[in-house]
């Protein structure tokens, strides 16, 4: 039976859960995490890397058969593209595909362009445009920082005054730094959230 050495990029609960499932598979002979956490250290070896070249060296030295990328940030920075270009198999989208997660403004524009139903929105860095659009919405009002904020970049404002204040804090860099230099203002939709994953 062929066995595999697998490297998981990330340091959260998601990466631990992925690692735990793989650890239980008899075909997995070596499990590595970067940077990992205290929990992942119980399943395999935690390693660190400073740049893509160092990551590639680890993959070659450890005879890694597959890299699984958990977090969005390395995906948006092109880690899948880099490793794939060096013939390392990667589970994770290209930087181009990861823009759907890395930029809320890009995702909303993509949905509109391809006629995918989405909440009414404005993406802008102009506070007067934002003020005018907020005035057209019934509260609560959704205010999103455009970039990656580790799952923290969304505010549900109870009224238009709060929505405008939150947008101003994002645009100034006070709330989410560079990730908030452009914002998405959305109408609030009530309902269940569902994630759908497709593998191709």
Protein backbone atom coordinates (compact mmCIF):
# COMPACT_ATOMS: atom_id res chain seq x y z
CA UNK A 1 0.00 0.00 0.00
CA UNK A 2 1.35 3.42 -0.94
CA UNK A 3 1.69 5.86 1.94
CA UNK A 4 1.77 9.66 1.91
CA UNK A 5 3.47 12.54 3.67
CA UNK A 6 1.09 15.48 4.01
CA UNK A 7 1.77 19.08 5.03
CA UNK A 8 -1.08 21.25 6.32
CA UNK A 9 -0.67 25.04 6.25
CA UNK A 10 -2.41 26.87 9.08
CA UNK A 11 -2.62 27.14 12.85
CA UNK A 12 -6.31 27.00 13.77
CA UNK A 13 -9.02 24.57 14.73
CA UNK A 14 -9.83 23.95 11.06
CA UNK A 15 -6.30 22.71 10.41
CA UNK A 16 -6.39 20.53 13.52
CA UNK A 17 -9.69 18.97 12.35
CA UNK A 18 -8.24 18.27 8.89
CA UNK A 19 -5.14 16.81 10.49
CA UNK A 20 -7.14 14.61 12.87
CA UNK A 21 -9.06 13.07 9.96
CA UNK A 22 -5.86 12.45 7.99
CA UNK A 23 -4.06 11.09 11.07
CA UNK A 24 -6.70 8.35 11.29
CA UNK A 25 -6.04 7.25 7.69
CA UNK A 26 -3.61 4.33 7.48
CA UNK A 27 -2.30 5.62 4.15
CA UNK A 28 -0.81 8.72 5.84
CA UNK A 29 2.71 7.96 7.06
CA UNK A 30 3.82 11.48 7.92
CA UNK A 31 1.82 14.52 9.01
CA UNK A 32 3.32 18.02 9.20
CA UNK A 33 1.83 21.41 10.07
CA UNK A 34 3.06 24.92 9.49
CA UNK A 35 2.98 26.75 11.79
CA UNK A 36 0.53 24.44 13.56
CA UNK A 37 -0.51 24.72 17.22
CA UNK A 38 -0.28 22.75 20.47
CA UNK A 39 -3.03 20.39 19.29
CA UNK A 40 -1.46 19.65 15.90
CA UNK A 41 1.82 18.84 17.66
CA UNK A 42 0.04 15.78 19.08
CA UNK A 43 -0.78 14.56 15.57
CA UNK A 44 2.47 15.27 13.75
CA UNK A 45 5.34 17.72 13.53
CA UNK A 46 5.02 21.51 13.55
CA UNK A 47 7.47 23.37 11.30
CA UNK A 48 7.91 27.01 10.31
CA UNK A 49 8.88 28.80 7.12
CA UNK A 50 9.75 32.39 6.29
CA UNK A 51 8.96 32.46 2.56
CA UNK A 52 7.78 30.27 -0.31
CA UNK A 53 11.30 29.09 -1.17
CA UNK A 54 11.80 27.82 2.38
CA UNK A 55 8.40 26.12 2.24
CA UNK A 56 9.43 24.40 -1.00
CA UNK A 57 12.66 23.21 0.63
CA UNK A 58 10.65 21.65 3.48
CA UNK A 59 8.39 19.91 0.96
CA UNK A 60 11.37 18.47 -0.89
CA UNK A 61 13.31 17.43 2.22
CA UNK A 62 10.27 15.80 3.84
CA UNK A 63 9.13 14.13 0.58
CA UNK A 64 5.72 15.78 0.88
CA UNK A 65 3.12 14.23 -1.46
CA UNK A 66 0.36 16.76 -0.78
CA UNK A 67 0.01 20.22 0.76
CA UNK A 68 -3.39 21.21 2.20
CA UNK A 69 -3.89 24.96 2.65
CA UNK A 70 -6.37 26.04 5.34
CA UNK A 71 -6.25 29.85 5.71
CA UNK A 72 -7.30 32.32 3.02
CA UNK A 73 -4.29 34.63 3.30
CA UNK A 74 -1.59 32.31 1.89
CA UNK A 75 -4.02 31.32 -0.89
CA UNK A 76 -4.60 34.95 -1.90
CA UNK A 77 -0.83 35.44 -1.89
CA UNK A 78 -0.36 32.59 -4.36
CA UNK A 79 1.09 29.73 -2.33
CA UNK A 80 -0.85 27.16 -4.41
CA UNK A 81 0.44 28.64 -7.67
CA UNK A 82 4.02 28.63 -6.39
CA UNK A 83 4.01 25.05 -5.13
CA UNK A 84 2.13 23.75 -8.18
CA UNK A 85 4.71 25.39 -10.46
CA UNK A 86 7.33 23.25 -8.66
CA UNK A 87 5.29 20.05 -9.15
CA UNK A 88 4.03 19.86 -5.54
CA UNK A 89 0.40 18.72 -5.34
CA UNK A 90 -1.75 21.27 -3.50
CA UNK A 91 -5.30 21.18 -2.17
CA UNK A 92 -6.31 24.84 -2.38
CA UNK A 93 -7.32 27.30 -5.12
CA UNK A 94 -5.06 29.54 -7.16
CA UNK A 95 -4.55 33.18 -6.17
CA UNK A 96 -6.91 34.18 -8.97
CA UNK A 97 -9.70 31.93 -7.67
CA UNK A 98 -8.99 32.90 -4.05
CA UNK A 99 -9.88 36.52 -4.86
CA UNK A 100 -13.51 35.47 -4.33
CA UNK A 101 -12.60 35.10 -0.64
CA UNK A 102 -9.88 37.73 -0.47
CA UNK A 103 -11.95 40.68 -1.69
CA UNK A 104 -15.60 41.16 -0.79
CA UNK A 105 -15.91 43.90 -3.43
CA UNK A 106 -14.54 41.56 -6.12
CA UNK A 107 -16.93 38.80 -5.01
CA UNK A 108 -19.97 41.10 -5.12
CA UNK A 109 -19.03 42.42 -8.56
CA UNK A 110 -18.41 38.84 -9.76
CA UNK A 111 -21.85 37.76 -8.51
CA UNK A 112 -23.52 40.71 -10.24
CA UNK A 113 -21.63 40.16 -13.50
CA UNK A 114 -22.62 36.48 -13.60
CA UNK A 115 -26.22 37.07 -12.46
CA UNK A 116 -25.75 35.24 -9.15
CA UNK A 117 -28.38 36.51 -6.67
CA UNK A 118 -26.81 38.71 -3.99
CA UNK A 119 -27.89 41.45 -1.59
CA UNK A 120 -28.12 45.00 -2.97
CA UNK A 121 -24.77 46.67 -2.32
CA UNK A 122 -22.31 49.45 -2.97
CA UNK A 123 -18.54 49.02 -2.93
CA UNK A 124 -16.66 52.29 -2.56
CA UNK A 125 -13.96 54.30 -0.81
CA UNK A 126 -15.91 57.57 -1.20
CA UNK A 127 -17.68 58.52 2.03
CA UNK A 128 -20.27 60.70 0.26
CA UNK A 129 -21.25 57.84 -2.07
CA UNK A 130 -21.47 55.60 0.96
CA UNK A 131 -23.59 58.12 2.89
CA UNK A 132 -26.04 58.43 -0.03
CA UNK A 133 -26.35 54.65 -0.43
CA UNK A 134 -26.86 54.05 3.30
CA UNK A 135 -29.78 56.49 3.15
CA UNK A 136 -31.54 54.15 0.69
CA UNK A 137 -31.37 51.10 3.02
CA UNK A 138 -33.62 49.98 5.84
CA UNK A 139 -31.72 49.04 9.02
CA UNK A 140 -30.01 46.95 10.08
CA UNK A 141 -27.25 47.74 7.56
CA UNK A 142 -24.26 45.52 6.76
CA UNK A 143 -20.81 47.18 6.56
CA UNK A 144 -17.89 45.05 5.35
CA UNK A 145 -14.19 45.73 5.03
CA UNK A 146 -13.18 44.68 1.51
CA UNK A 147 -10.06 42.70 2.39
CA UNK A 148 -9.22 39.77 4.66
CA UNK A 149 -9.83 40.42 8.38
CA UNK A 150 -9.55 36.89 9.83
CA UNK A 151 -13.33 36.55 9.86
CA UNK A 152 -13.85 39.82 11.76
CA UNK A 153 -14.48 42.35 8.97
CA UNK A 154 -18.29 42.50 9.02
CA UNK A 155 -20.40 44.88 11.11
CA UNK A 156 -24.21 44.70 11.31
CA UNK A 157 -25.14 48.27 12.18
CA UNK A 158 -28.51 48.84 13.90
CA UNK A 159 -29.07 52.22 12.20
CA UNK A 160 -27.76 54.45 9.41
CA UNK A 161 -25.73 56.67 11.78
CA UNK A 162 -23.81 53.69 13.16
CA UNK A 163 -23.33 52.28 9.65
CA UNK A 164 -21.76 55.54 8.47
CA UNK A 165 -19.52 55.73 11.55
CA UNK A 166 -18.31 52.16 11.04
CA UNK A 167 -17.61 52.83 7.36
CA UNK A 168 -15.60 55.93 8.28
CA UNK A 169 -13.54 53.94 10.81
CA UNK A 170 -12.81 51.30 8.17
CA UNK A 171 -11.82 53.83 5.50
CA UNK A 172 -9.49 55.64 7.92
CA UNK A 173 -7.69 52.38 8.70
CA UNK A 174 -8.75 52.56 12.35
CA UNK A 175 -10.84 49.37 12.31
CA UNK A 176 -9.11 46.90 9.99
CA UNK A 177 -6.04 48.64 8.59
CA UNK A 178 -5.49 48.25 4.85
CA UNK A 179 -8.27 45.64 4.59
CA UNK A 180 -10.83 48.40 5.19
CA UNK A 181 -9.54 50.99 2.73
CA UNK A 182 -12.51 50.04 0.54
CA UNK A 183 -15.86 49.01 2.02
CA UNK A 184 -18.94 47.14 0.90
CA UNK A 185 -22.30 48.38 2.16
CA UNK A 186 -25.10 45.81 1.85
CA UNK A 187 -28.75 45.45 2.57
CA UNK A 188 -29.37 43.04 5.44
CA UNK A 189 -30.82 39.66 4.47
CA UNK A 190 -32.56 37.51 7.07
CA UNK A 191 -32.15 33.75 6.80
CA UNK A 192 -29.89 30.73 7.13
CA UNK A 193 -26.29 30.70 5.91
CA UNK A 194 -25.17 27.66 3.95
CA UNK A 195 -21.70 26.78 2.69
CA UNK A 196 -21.40 24.64 -0.43
CA UNK A 197 -18.06 23.09 -1.37
CA UNK A 198 -17.28 21.71 -4.81
CA UNK A 199 -14.16 19.75 -5.74
CA UNK A 200 -13.00 19.53 -9.33
